[in-house]
Every structure is written in structure tokens, then in C-alpha cells.
PDB file of N, CA and C in Angstrom:
ATOM      1  N   MET A   1       0.894  -0.996  -0.042  1.00  0.00           N
ATOM      2  CA  MET A   1      -0.219   0.044  -0.106  1.00  0.00           C
ATOM      3  C   MET A   1       1.132   1.460  -0.364  1.00  0.00           C
ATOM      4  N   SER A   2       0.472   2.028  -0.937  1.00  0.00           N
ATOM      5  CA  SER A   2       1.380   3.517  -1.057  1.00  0.00           C
ATOM      6  C   SER A   2       0.630   4.259   0.195  1.00  0.00           C
ATOM      7  N   ALA A   3       1.754   5.125   0.526  1.00  0.00           N
ATOM      8  CA  ALA A   3       1.627   6.210   1.574  1.00  0.00           C
ATOM      9  C   ALA A   3       1.063   7.316   1.092  1.00  0.00           C
ATOM     10  N   ILE A   4      -0.014   7.723   1.665  1.00  0.00           N
ATOM     11  CA  ILE A   4      -0.570   9.098   1.278  1.00  0.00           C
ATOM     12  C   ILE A   4       0.021  10.163   1.807  1.00  0.00           C
ATOM     13  N   ARG A   5       0.100  11.008   0.885  1.00  0.00           N
ATOM     14  CA  ARG A   5       0.551  12.568   1.435  1.00  0.00           C
ATOM     15  C   ARG A   5      -0.106  13.680   1.189  1.00  0.00           C
ATOM     16  N   PRO A   6       0.060  14.765   1.768  1.00  0.00           N
ATOM     17  CA  PRO A   6      -0.576  15.898   1.175  1.00  0.00           C
ATOM     18  C   PRO A   6      -0.468  16.495  -0.103  1.00  0.00           C
ATOM     19  N   LEU A   7      -1.094  17.080  -0.822  1.00  0.00           N
ATOM     20  CA  LEU A   7      -0.779  17.901  -1.857  1.00  0.00           C
ATOM     21  C   LEU A   7      -0.144  19.162  -2.030  1.00  0.00           C
ATOM     22  N   VAL A   8       1.072  19.281  -2.281  1.00  0.00           N
ATOM     23  CA  VAL A   8       1.899  20.568  -2.119  1.00  0.00           C
ATOM     24  C   VAL A   8       1.494  21.404  -3.031  1.00  0.00           C
ATOM     25  N   LEU A   9       0.904  22.569  -2.671  1.00  0.00           N
ATOM     26  CA  LEU A   9       0.873  23.623  -3.490  1.00  0.00           C
ATOM     27  C   LEU A   9       1.960  24.948  -3.366  1.00  0.00           C
ATOM     28  N   ALA A  10       2.663  25.371  -3.897  1.00  0.00           N
ATOM     29  CA  ALA A  10       3.811  26.562  -3.927  1.00  0.00           C
ATOM     30  C   ALA A  10       3.095  27.699  -3.902  1.00  0.00           C
ATOM     31  N   HIS A  11       2.916  28.283  -2.911  1.00  0.00           N
ATOM     32  CA  HIS A  11       2.126  29.744  -2.869  1.00  0.00           C
ATOM     33  C   HIS A  11       3.212  30.707  -3.387  1.00  0.00           C
ATOM     34  N   ARG A  12       2.586  31.071  -4.586  1.00  0.00           N
ATOM     35  CA  ARG A  12       3.409  32.082  -5.280  1.00  0.00           C
ATOM     36  C   ARG A  12       4.530  31.840  -5.614  1.00  0.00           C
ATOM     37  N   GLY A  13       4.640  30.296  -6.035  1.00  0.00           N
ATOM     38  CA  GLY A  13       5.881  29.637  -6.749  1.00  0.00           C
ATOM     39  C   GLY A  13       6.652  29.843  -5.294  1.00  0.00           C
ATOM     40  N   ALA A  14       8.299  29.257  -5.675  1.00  0.00           N
ATOM     41  CA  ALA A  14       9.052  28.957  -4.557  1.00  0.00           C
ATOM     42  C   ALA A  14       9.457  30.635  -3.842  1.00  0.00           C
ATOM     43  N   CYS A  15       8.625  31.122  -3.280  1.00  0.00           N
ATOM     44  CA  CYS A  15       8.992  32.310  -2.869  1.00  0.00           C
ATOM     45  C   CYS A  15      10.239  32.556  -1.950  1.00  0.00           C
ATOM     46  N   HIS A  16      10.377  32.085  -1.388  1.00  0.00           N
ATOM     47  CA  HIS A  16      11.417  31.657  -0.177  1.00  0.00           C
ATOM     48  C   HIS A  16      12.956  31.945  -0.880  1.00  0.00           C
ATOM     49  N   ARG A  17      13.086  31.413  -2.308  1.00  0.00           N
ATOM     50  CA  ARG A  17      14.427  31.690  -2.670  1.00  0.00           C
ATOM     51  C   ARG A  17      14.263  32.513  -3.832  1.00  0.00           C
ATOM     52  N   VAL A  18      13.364  32.892  -4.477  1.00  0.00           N
ATOM     53  CA  VAL A  18      13.333  34.108  -5.575  1.00  0.00           C
ATOM     54  C   VAL A  18      12.087  34.820  -5.496  1.00  0.00           C
ATOM     55  N   ARG A  19      11.896  36.072  -6.306  1.00  0.00           N
ATOM     56  CA  ARG A  19      10.836  36.936  -6.124  1.00  0.00           C
ATOM     57  C   ARG A  19       9.474  35.956  -6.452  1.00  0.00           C
ATOM     58  N   GLU A  20       8.275  36.011  -5.591  1.00  0.00           N
ATOM     59  CA  GLU A  20       7.283  35.842  -5.480  1.00  0.00           C
ATOM     60  C   GLU A  20       6.363  35.887  -6.923  1.00  0.00           C
ATOM     61  N   ASN A  21       5.372  35.052  -7.502  1.00  0.00           N
ATOM     62  CA  ASN A  21       4.867  35.492  -8.527  1.00  0.00           C
ATOM     63  C   ASN A  21       5.650  35.402  -9.669  1.00  0.00           C
ATOM     64  N   THR A  22       6.420  34.825 -10.109  1.00  0.00           N
ATOM     65  CA  THR A  22       7.421  34.695 -11.081  1.00  0.00           C
ATOM     66  C   THR A  22       7.585  33.761 -11.772  1.00  0.00           C
ATOM     67  N   VAL A  23       7.840  33.454 -13.077  1.00  0.00           N
ATOM     68  CA  VAL A  23       8.116  32.755 -14.050  1.00  0.00           C
ATOM     69  C   VAL A  23       9.213  31.822 -13.231  1.00  0.00           C
ATOM     70  N   GLU A  24      10.117  32.430 -12.880  1.00  0.00           N
ATOM     71  CA  GLU A  24      11.166  31.739 -12.001  1.00  0.00           C
ATOM     72  C   GLU A  24      11.067  31.268 -10.742  1.00  0.00           C
ATOM     73  N   ALA A  25      10.266  31.980  -9.899  1.00  0.00           N
ATOM     74  CA  ALA A  25       9.546  31.256  -8.726  1.00  0.00           C
ATOM     75  C   ALA A  25       8.347  29.796  -9.353  1.00  0.00           C
ATOM     76  N   PHE A  26       7.731  30.019 -10.146  1.00  0.00           N
ATOM     77  CA  PHE A  26       7.083  28.673 -10.655  1.00  0.00           C
ATOM     78  C   PHE A  26       7.698  27.415 -11.156  1.00  0.00           C
ATOM     79  N   ALA A  27       8.817  27.897 -11.856  1.00  0.00           N
ATOM     80  CA  ALA A  27       9.818  26.907 -12.459  1.00  0.00           C
ATOM     81  C   ALA A  27      10.648  26.332 -11.119  1.00  0.00           C
ATOM     82  N   LEU A  28      11.232  26.926 -10.351  1.00  0.00           N
ATOM     83  CA  LEU A  28      11.539  26.430  -9.217  1.00  0.00           C
ATOM     84  C   LEU A  28      10.955  25.804  -8.404  1.00  0.00           C
ATOM     85  N   ALA A  29       9.563  25.840  -8.171  1.00  0.00           N
ATOM     86  CA  ALA A  29       8.738  25.219  -7.355  1.00  0.00           C
ATOM     87  C   ALA A  29       8.480  23.752  -8.022  1.00  0.00           C
ATOM     88  N   ARG A  30       8.436  24.003  -9.193  1.00  0.00           N
ATOM     89  CA  ARG A  30       8.017  22.223  -9.906  1.00  0.00           C
ATOM     90  C   ARG A  30       9.494  21.810  -9.745  1.00  0.00           C
ATOM     91  N   GLU A  31      10.599  22.529 -10.047  1.00  0.00           N
ATOM     92  CA  GLU A  31      12.090  21.765  -9.473  1.00  0.00           C
ATOM     93  C   GLU A  31      12.114  21.262  -8.175  1.00  0.00           C
ATOM     94  N   LEU A  32      11.577  21.885  -7.503  1.00  0.00           N
ATOM     95  CA  LEU A  32      11.686  21.352  -5.931  1.00  0.00           C
ATOM     96  C   LEU A  32      10.933  20.313  -5.314  1.00  0.00           C
ATOM     97  N   GLY A  33       9.711  19.850  -6.455  1.00  0.00           N
ATOM     98  CA  GLY A  33       9.016  18.642  -6.092  1.00  0.00           C
ATOM     99  C   GLY A  33       7.620  19.118  -5.674  1.00  0.00           C
ATOM    100  N   ALA A  34       7.054  20.434  -5.709  1.00  0.00           N
ATOM    101  CA  ALA A  34       5.694  20.874  -5.570  1.00  0.00           C
ATOM    102  C   ALA A  34       4.700  20.258  -6.472  1.00  0.00           C
ATOM    103  N   ASP A  35       3.616  19.996  -6.102  1.00  0.00           N
ATOM    104  CA  ASP A  35       2.449  19.341  -7.056  1.00  0.00           C
ATOM    105  C   ASP A  35       1.886  20.445  -8.084  1.00  0.00           C
ATOM    106  N   GLY A  36       1.844  21.706  -7.591  1.00  0.00           N
ATOM    107  CA  GLY A  36       1.307  22.800  -8.225  1.00  0.00           C
ATOM    108  C   GLY A  36       1.636  24.202  -7.504  1.00  0.00           C
ATOM    109  N   ILE A  37       1.078  25.048  -8.157  1.00  0.00           N
ATOM    110  CA  ILE A  37       1.516  26.393  -7.468  1.00  0.00           C
ATOM    111  C   ILE A  37      -0.201  27.350  -7.210  1.00  0.00           C
ATOM    112  N   GLU A  38      -0.096  28.109  -6.372  1.00  0.00           N
ATOM    113  CA  GLU A  38      -0.954  29.162  -6.163  1.00  0.00           C
ATOM    114  C   GLU A  38      -0.711  30.652  -6.860  1.00  0.00           C
ATOM    115  N   LEU A  39      -1.267  31.038  -7.654  1.00  0.00           N
ATOM    116  CA  LEU A  39      -0.873  32.240  -8.219  1.00  0.00           C
ATOM    117  C   LEU A  39      -1.764  33.785  -8.187  1.00  0.00           C
ATOM    118  N   ASP A  40      -1.635  34.944  -8.198  1.00  0.00           N
ATOM    119  CA  ASP A  40      -2.718  35.819  -8.315  1.00  0.00           C
ATOM    120  C   ASP A  40      -2.693  36.981  -9.304  1.00  0.00           C
ATOM    121  N   VAL A  41      -3.798  37.020  -9.933  1.00  0.00           N
ATOM    122  CA  VAL A  41      -4.139  37.420 -11.139  1.00  0.00           C
ATOM    123  C   VAL A  41      -5.110  38.752 -10.995  1.00  0.00           C
ATOM    124  N   ARG A  42      -3.976  39.833 -11.587  1.00  0.00           N
ATOM    125  CA  ARG A  42      -5.019  41.044 -11.914  1.00  0.00           C
ATOM    126  C   ARG A  42      -4.851  41.585 -13.238  1.00  0.00           C
ATOM    127  N   ARG A  43      -6.078  42.353 -13.636  1.00  0.00           N
ATOM    128  CA  ARG A  43      -5.865  43.193 -14.984  1.00  0.00           C
ATOM    129  C   ARG A  43      -5.146  44.378 -14.956  1.00  0.00           C
ATOM    130  N   SER A  44      -4.304  44.703 -16.380  1.00  0.00           N
ATOM    131  CA  SER A  44      -3.879  46.290 -16.455  1.00  0.00           C
ATOM    132  C   SER A  44      -5.077  47.030 -16.841  1.00  0.00           C
ATOM    133  N   ALA A  45      -4.759  48.216 -17.000  1.00  0.00           N
ATOM    134  CA  ALA A  45      -5.689  49.190 -17.617  1.00  0.00           C
ATOM    135  C   ALA A  45      -6.232  48.889 -18.770  1.00  0.00           C
ATOM    136  N   ASP A  46      -5.314  47.911 -19.695  1.00  0.00           N
ATOM    137  CA  ASP A  46      -5.625  47.923 -21.035  1.00  0.00           C
ATOM    138  C   ASP A  46      -6.133  46.196 -21.182  1.00  0.00           C
ATOM    139  N   ASP A  47      -6.738  45.809 -19.998  1.00  0.00           N
ATOM    140  CA  ASP A  47      -6.920  44.444 -20.112  1.00  0.00           C
ATOM    141  C   ASP A  47      -6.093  43.330 -20.078  1.00  0.00           C
ATOM    142  N   VAL A  48      -4.817  43.481 -19.799  1.00  0.00           N
ATOM    143  CA  VAL A  48      -3.891  41.993 -20.122  1.00  0.00           C
ATOM    144  C   VAL A  48      -4.023  41.462 -18.623  1.00  0.00           C
ATOM    145  N   LEU A  49      -4.062  39.971 -18.445  1.00  0.00           N
ATOM    146  CA  LEU A  49      -4.296  39.605 -17.113  1.00  0.00           C
ATOM    147  C   LEU A  49      -2.433  39.636 -16.725  1.00  0.00           C
ATOM    148  N   ILE A  50      -2.222  39.987 -15.512  1.00  0.00           N
ATOM    149  CA  ILE A  50      -1.100  39.889 -14.885  1.00  0.00           C
ATOM    150  C   ILE A  50      -1.106  39.351 -13.715  1.00  0.00           C
ATOM    151  N   VAL A  51       0.080  38.499 -13.349  1.00  0.00           N
ATOM    152  CA  VAL A  51       0.057  37.925 -12.285  1.00  0.00           C
ATOM    153  C   VAL A  51       1.286  38.820 -11.237  1.00  0.00           C
ATOM    154  N   HIS A  52       0.112  39.072 -10.266  1.00  0.00           N
ATOM    155  CA  HIS A  52       0.617  39.812  -8.718  1.00  0.00           C
ATOM    156  C   HIS A  52       0.141  39.662  -8.062  1.00  0.00           C
ATOM    157  N   HIS A  53       0.580  39.714  -6.586  1.00  0.00           N
ATOM    158  CA  HIS A  53      -0.372  39.622  -5.568  1.00  0.00           C
ATOM    159  C   HIS A  53      -1.158  40.885  -5.170  1.00  0.00           C
ATOM    160  N   ASP A  54      -0.350  42.283  -4.937  1.00  0.00           N
ATOM    161  CA  ASP A  54      -0.904  43.266  -4.154  1.00  0.00           C
ATOM    162  C   ASP A  54      -1.148  44.322  -5.646  1.00  0.00           C
ATOM    163  N   ALA A  55      -2.401  44.977  -5.362  1.00  0.00           N
ATOM    164  CA  ALA A  55      -2.796  46.163  -6.416  1.00  0.00           C
ATOM    165  C   ALA A  55      -2.041  47.071  -6.491  1.00  0.00           C
ATOM    166  N   GLU A  56      -0.680  47.362  -5.747  1.00  0.00           N
ATOM    167  CA  GLU A  56       0.154  48.433  -6.096  1.00  0.00           C
ATOM    168  C   GLU A  56       1.370  47.874  -5.784  1.00  0.00           C
ATOM    169  N   VAL A  57       2.123  48.410  -6.793  1.00  0.00           N
ATOM    170  CA  VAL A  57       3.562  48.256  -6.466  1.00  0.00           C
ATOM    171  C   VAL A  57       4.352  49.465  -5.853  1.00  0.00           C
ATOM    172  N   PRO A  58       5.172  49.339  -4.824  1.00  0.00           N
ATOM    173  CA  PRO A  58       5.888  50.463  -4.381  1.00  0.00           C
ATOM    174  C   PRO A  58       6.517  51.196  -5.585  1.00  0.00           C
ATOM    175  N   GLU A  59       6.562  52.494  -5.666  1.00  0.00           N
ATOM    176  CA  GLU A  59       7.365  53.460  -6.418  1.00  0.00           C
ATOM    177  C   GLU A  59       6.922  53.351  -7.800  1.00  0.00           C
ATOM    178  N   PHE A  60       5.586  52.607  -8.432  1.00  0.00           N
ATOM    179  CA  PHE A  60       5.081  52.197  -9.672  1.00  0.00           C
ATOM    180  C   PHE A  60       3.602  52.931  -9.361  1.00  0.00           C
ATOM    181  N   GLY A  61       2.866  52.471  -8.575  1.00  0.00           N
ATOM    182  CA  GLY A  61       1.390  52.694  -8.577  1.00  0.00           C
ATOM    183  C   GLY A  61       0.546  51.660  -8.783  1.00  0.00           C
ATOM    184  N   LEU A  62      -0.546  51.615  -8.920  1.00  0.00           N
ATOM    185  CA  LEU A  62      -1.723  50.871  -9.104  1.00  0.00           C
ATOM    186  C   LEU A  62      -1.687  50.352 -10.439  1.00  0.00           C
ATOM    187  N   LEU A  63      -1.689  48.695 -10.359  1.00  0.00           N
ATOM    188  CA  LEU A  63      -1.362  48.319 -11.580  1.00  0.00           C
ATOM    189  C   LEU A  63      -2.637  48.691 -12.494  1.00  0.00           C
ATOM    190  N   ALA A  64      -3.860  48.516 -11.848  1.00  0.00           N
ATOM    191  CA  ALA A  64      -5.122  48.536 -12.869  1.00  0.00           C
ATOM    192  C   ALA A  64      -5.075  49.879 -13.220  1.00  0.00           C
ATOM    193  N   ALA A  65      -4.429  50.926 -12.927  1.00  0.00           N
ATOM    194  CA  ALA A  65      -4.517  52.214 -13.738  1.00  0.00           C
ATOM    195  C   ALA A  65      -3.377  52.108 -15.006  1.00  0.00           C
ATOM    196  N   GLN A  66      -2.386  51.154 -15.124  1.00  0.00           N
ATOM    197  CA  GLN A  66      -1.370  51.288 -16.028  1.00  0.00           C
ATOM    198  C   GLN A  66      -1.695  50.396 -17.480  1.00  0.00           C
ATOM    199  N   PRO A  67      -1.215  50.832 -18.490  1.00  0.00           N
ATOM    200  CA  PRO A  67      -1.231  49.999 -19.528  1.00  0.00           C
ATOM    201  C   PRO A  67      -0.412  48.888 -19.489  1.00  0.00           C
ATOM    202  N   PHE A  68      -0.337  47.703 -19.930  1.00  0.00           N
ATOM    203  CA  PHE A  68       0.577  46.580 -19.980  1.00  0.00           C
ATOM    204  C   PHE A  68       2.032  47.137 -20.462  1.00  0.00           C
ATOM    205  N   ASP A  69       1.913  48.039 -21.433  1.00  0.00           N
ATOM    206  CA  ASP A  69       3.407  48.024 -21.964  1.00  0.00           C
ATOM    207  C   ASP A  69       4.290  48.913 -20.932  1.00  0.00           C
ATOM    208  N   GLY A  70       3.352  49.716 -20.074  1.00  0.00           N
ATOM    209  CA  GLY A  70       4.415  50.397 -18.724  1.00  0.00           C
ATOM    210  C   GLY A  70       4.887  49.687 -17.776  1.00  0.00           C
ATOM    211  N   ILE A  71       3.729  48.761 -17.550  1.00  0.00           N
ATOM    212  CA  ILE A  71       4.105  47.806 -16.630  1.00  0.00           C
ATOM    213  C   ILE A  71       5.563  46.821 -16.956  1.00  0.00           C
ATOM    214  N   ARG A  72       5.356  46.465 -17.964  1.00  0.00           N
ATOM    215  CA  ARG A  72       6.410  45.579 -18.631  1.00  0.00           C
ATOM    216  C   ARG A  72       7.889  46.163 -18.588  1.00  0.00           C
ATOM    217  N   ALA A  73       7.600  47.559 -19.186  1.00  0.00           N
ATOM    218  CA  ALA A  73       8.910  48.319 -19.288  1.00  0.00           C
ATOM    219  C   ALA A  73       9.228  48.652 -17.608  1.00  0.00           C
ATOM    220  N   ALA A  74       8.677  49.005 -16.664  1.00  0.00           N
ATOM    221  CA  ALA A  74       9.062  49.036 -15.478  1.00  0.00           C
ATOM    222  C   ALA A  74       9.424  48.053 -14.578  1.00  0.00           C
ATOM    223  N   LEU A  75       8.261  47.149 -14.829  1.00  0.00           N
ATOM    224  CA  LEU A  75       8.521  45.764 -14.290  1.00  0.00           C
ATOM    225  C   LEU A  75       8.817  44.376 -14.767  1.00  0.00           C
ATOM    226  N   PRO A  76       9.862  44.462 -15.324  1.00  0.00           N
ATOM    227  CA  PRO A  76      10.149  43.152 -16.330  1.00  0.00           C
ATOM    228  C   PRO A  76       9.936  41.680 -15.785  1.00  0.00           C
ATOM    229  N   TRP A  77      10.348  41.799 -14.590  1.00  0.00           N
ATOM    230  CA  TRP A  77       9.651  40.191 -13.848  1.00  0.00           C
ATOM    231  C   TRP A  77       8.300  39.993 -13.976  1.00  0.00           C
ATOM    232  N   LEU A  78       7.426  40.835 -13.894  1.00  0.00           N
ATOM    233  CA  LEU A  78       6.045  40.748 -13.810  1.00  0.00           C
ATOM    234  C   LEU A  78       5.415  39.721 -14.840  1.00  0.00           C
ATOM    235  N   PRO A  79       5.154  38.597 -14.617  1.00  0.00           N
ATOM    236  CA  PRO A  79       4.533  38.084 -15.941  1.00  0.00           C
ATOM    237  C   PRO A  79       3.025  38.036 -15.792  1.00  0.00           C
ATOM    238  N   THR A  80       2.894  37.954 -17.301  1.00  0.00           N
ATOM    239  CA  THR A  80       1.446  37.831 -17.829  1.00  0.00           C
ATOM    240  C   THR A  80       0.997  36.256 -17.222  1.00  0.00           C
ATOM    241  N   LEU A  81      -0.468  36.213 -17.206  1.00  0.00           N
ATOM    242  CA  LEU A  81      -1.059  35.049 -17.108  1.00  0.00           C
ATOM    243  C   LEU A  81      -0.656  33.988 -17.782  1.00  0.00           C
ATOM    244  N   ALA A  82      -0.797  34.262 -19.084  1.00  0.00           N
ATOM    245  CA  ALA A  82      -0.191  33.540 -20.404  1.00  0.00           C
ATOM    246  C   ALA A  82       0.975  33.024 -20.127  1.00  0.00           C
ATOM    247  N   GLU A  83       1.963  33.887 -19.976  1.00  0.00           N
ATOM    248  CA  GLU A  83       3.218  33.631 -19.421  1.00  0.00           C
ATOM    249  C   GLU A  83       3.638  32.480 -18.152  1.00  0.00           C
ATOM    250  N   ALA A  84       3.096  32.861 -17.435  1.00  0.00           N
ATOM    251  CA  ALA A  84       2.993  31.881 -16.109  1.00  0.00           C
ATOM    252  C   ALA A  84       2.611  30.505 -16.420  1.00  0.00           C
ATOM    253  N   LEU A  85       1.319  30.152 -17.120  1.00  0.00           N
ATOM    254  CA  LEU A  85       0.653  29.273 -17.233  1.00  0.00           C
ATOM    255  C   LEU A  85       1.384  28.382 -18.508  1.00  0.00           C
ATOM    256  N   GLU A  86       2.242  28.972 -19.285  1.00  0.00           N
ATOM    257  CA  GLU A  86       2.931  28.199 -20.101  1.00  0.00           C
ATOM    258  C   GLU A  86       4.344  27.755 -19.195  1.00  0.00           C
ATOM    259  N   VAL A  87       4.977  27.974 -18.429  1.00  0.00           N
ATOM    260  CA  VAL A  87       5.942  27.377 -17.639  1.00  0.00           C
ATOM    261  C   VAL A  87       5.274  26.230 -16.578  1.00  0.00           C
ATOM    262  N   CYS A  88       3.679  26.400 -16.525  1.00  0.00           N
ATOM    263  CA  CYS A  88       2.970  25.401 -15.718  1.00  0.00           C
ATOM    264  C   CYS A  88       2.377  24.696 -16.309  1.00  0.00           C
ATOM    265  N   THR A  89       2.616  24.384 -17.762  1.00  0.00           N
ATOM    266  CA  THR A  89       1.714  23.140 -18.595  1.00  0.00           C
ATOM    267  C   THR A  89       1.775  22.031 -17.596  1.00  0.00           C
ATOM    268  N   GLY A  90       0.811  21.555 -17.724  1.00  0.00           N
ATOM    269  CA  GLY A  90       0.575  19.688 -17.255  1.00  0.00           C
ATOM    270  C   GLY A  90       0.842  19.899 -15.720  1.00  0.00           C
ATOM    271  N   TRP A  91       0.415  21.002 -14.954  1.00  0.00           N
ATOM    272  CA  TRP A  91       0.862  21.161 -13.378  1.00  0.00           C
ATOM    273  C   TRP A  91      -0.334  21.458 -13.041  1.00  0.00           C
ATOM    274  N   LEU A  92      -0.763  21.395 -11.846  1.00  0.00           N
ATOM    275  CA  LEU A  92      -1.863  21.835 -10.903  1.00  0.00           C
ATOM    276  C   LEU A  92      -1.393  23.548 -10.710  1.00  0.00           C
ATOM    277  N   VAL A  93      -2.848  24.362 -11.119  1.00  0.00           N
ATOM    278  CA  VAL A  93      -2.432  25.511 -10.774  1.00  0.00           C
ATOM    279  C   VAL A  93      -3.739  26.091 -10.028  1.00  0.00           C
ATOM    280  N   ASN A  94      -3.556  26.995  -8.847  1.00  0.00           N
ATOM    281  CA  ASN A  94      -5.011  27.588  -8.584  1.00  0.00           C
ATOM    282  C   ASN A  94      -4.603  28.985  -8.565  1.00  0.00           C
ATOM    283  N   VAL A  95      -5.457  29.650  -9.465  1.00  0.00           N
ATOM    284  CA  VAL A  95      -5.585  30.995  -9.547  1.00  0.00           C
ATOM    285  C   VAL A  95      -6.168  31.836  -8.845  1.00  0.00           C
ATOM    286  N   GLU A  96      -5.852  32.763  -8.428  1.00  0.00           N
ATOM    287  CA  GLU A  96      -6.726  33.383  -7.087  1.00  0.00           C
ATOM    288  C   GLU A  96      -6.782  34.757  -7.867  1.00  0.00           C
ATOM    289  N   ILE A  97      -8.425  35.278  -8.352  1.00  0.00           N
ATOM    290  CA  ILE A  97      -8.537  36.855  -9.480  1.00  0.00           C
ATOM    291  C   ILE A  97      -8.720  37.620  -7.950  1.00  0.00           C
ATOM    292  N   LYS A  98      -8.058  38.671  -8.486  1.00  0.00           N
ATOM    293  CA  LYS A  98      -7.998  39.906  -7.517  1.00  0.00           C
ATOM    294  C   LYS A  98      -8.734  41.013  -8.362  1.00  0.00           C
ATOM    295  N   CYS A  99      -9.426  41.669  -7.690  1.00  0.00           N
ATOM    296  CA  CYS A  99     -10.238  42.743  -8.068  1.00  0.00           C
ATOM    297  C   CYS A  99      -9.314  44.076  -7.854  1.00  0.00           C
ATOM    298  N   LEU A 100      -9.731  45.294  -8.580  1.00  0.00           N
ATOM    299  CA  LEU A 100      -8.621  46.176  -8.640  1.00  0.00           C
ATOM    300  C   LEU A 100      -7.501  46.377  -9.579  1.00  0.00           C
TER     301      LEU A 100
END
């Protein structure tokens, strides 16, 4: 009989080693053996879905008030949902949709 173990979801990726909610954090979580990840999604001013926990980024401002091109230029580490899902192909992903 095989042992039953809990499902391990890396909250915002492997954020204890690299910046949370980044492609790098998700890839590292997989490498470390997590069963899947939890990530947070917000919308830019021009309706691009981006992965970030907080509504505002210090010294940048409210993500929902900025077009994606401006976000990408200022915060190149911040992935789109499509970019995050690409690195998580075939893996369990828990998406938390944030408002604002």
C-alpha cells in the first residue's frame, strides 16, 4: 500500500528563494517537487491579465491604472497569466483572481 501524502501547492511559487509570482518562482517550485502552485491575477488598464499579489507596486503605483506596456517596461519580472501558465503546463494551478 502506498503512503498518502498531502498535496503541496507552492504559494506564489518558490518565493523563499526567488521573487514571488514570477516565472522563475514557478519553475523552481516544480524543480523542488511541488505538485502545483497558487498565483494571483490582476488586470492592467488595457485588460492584460498579469500575475501579482498586491494592487499597487511600491514606487510604481496601481497596476489597474497602468497599460501593460508601461508595466512591462517598469517591472519586467512581472509575468502575464499566459506566460505563467506556459511554464506550468501539465501542472496543477490554483488561480486567485484579484479585484482592482
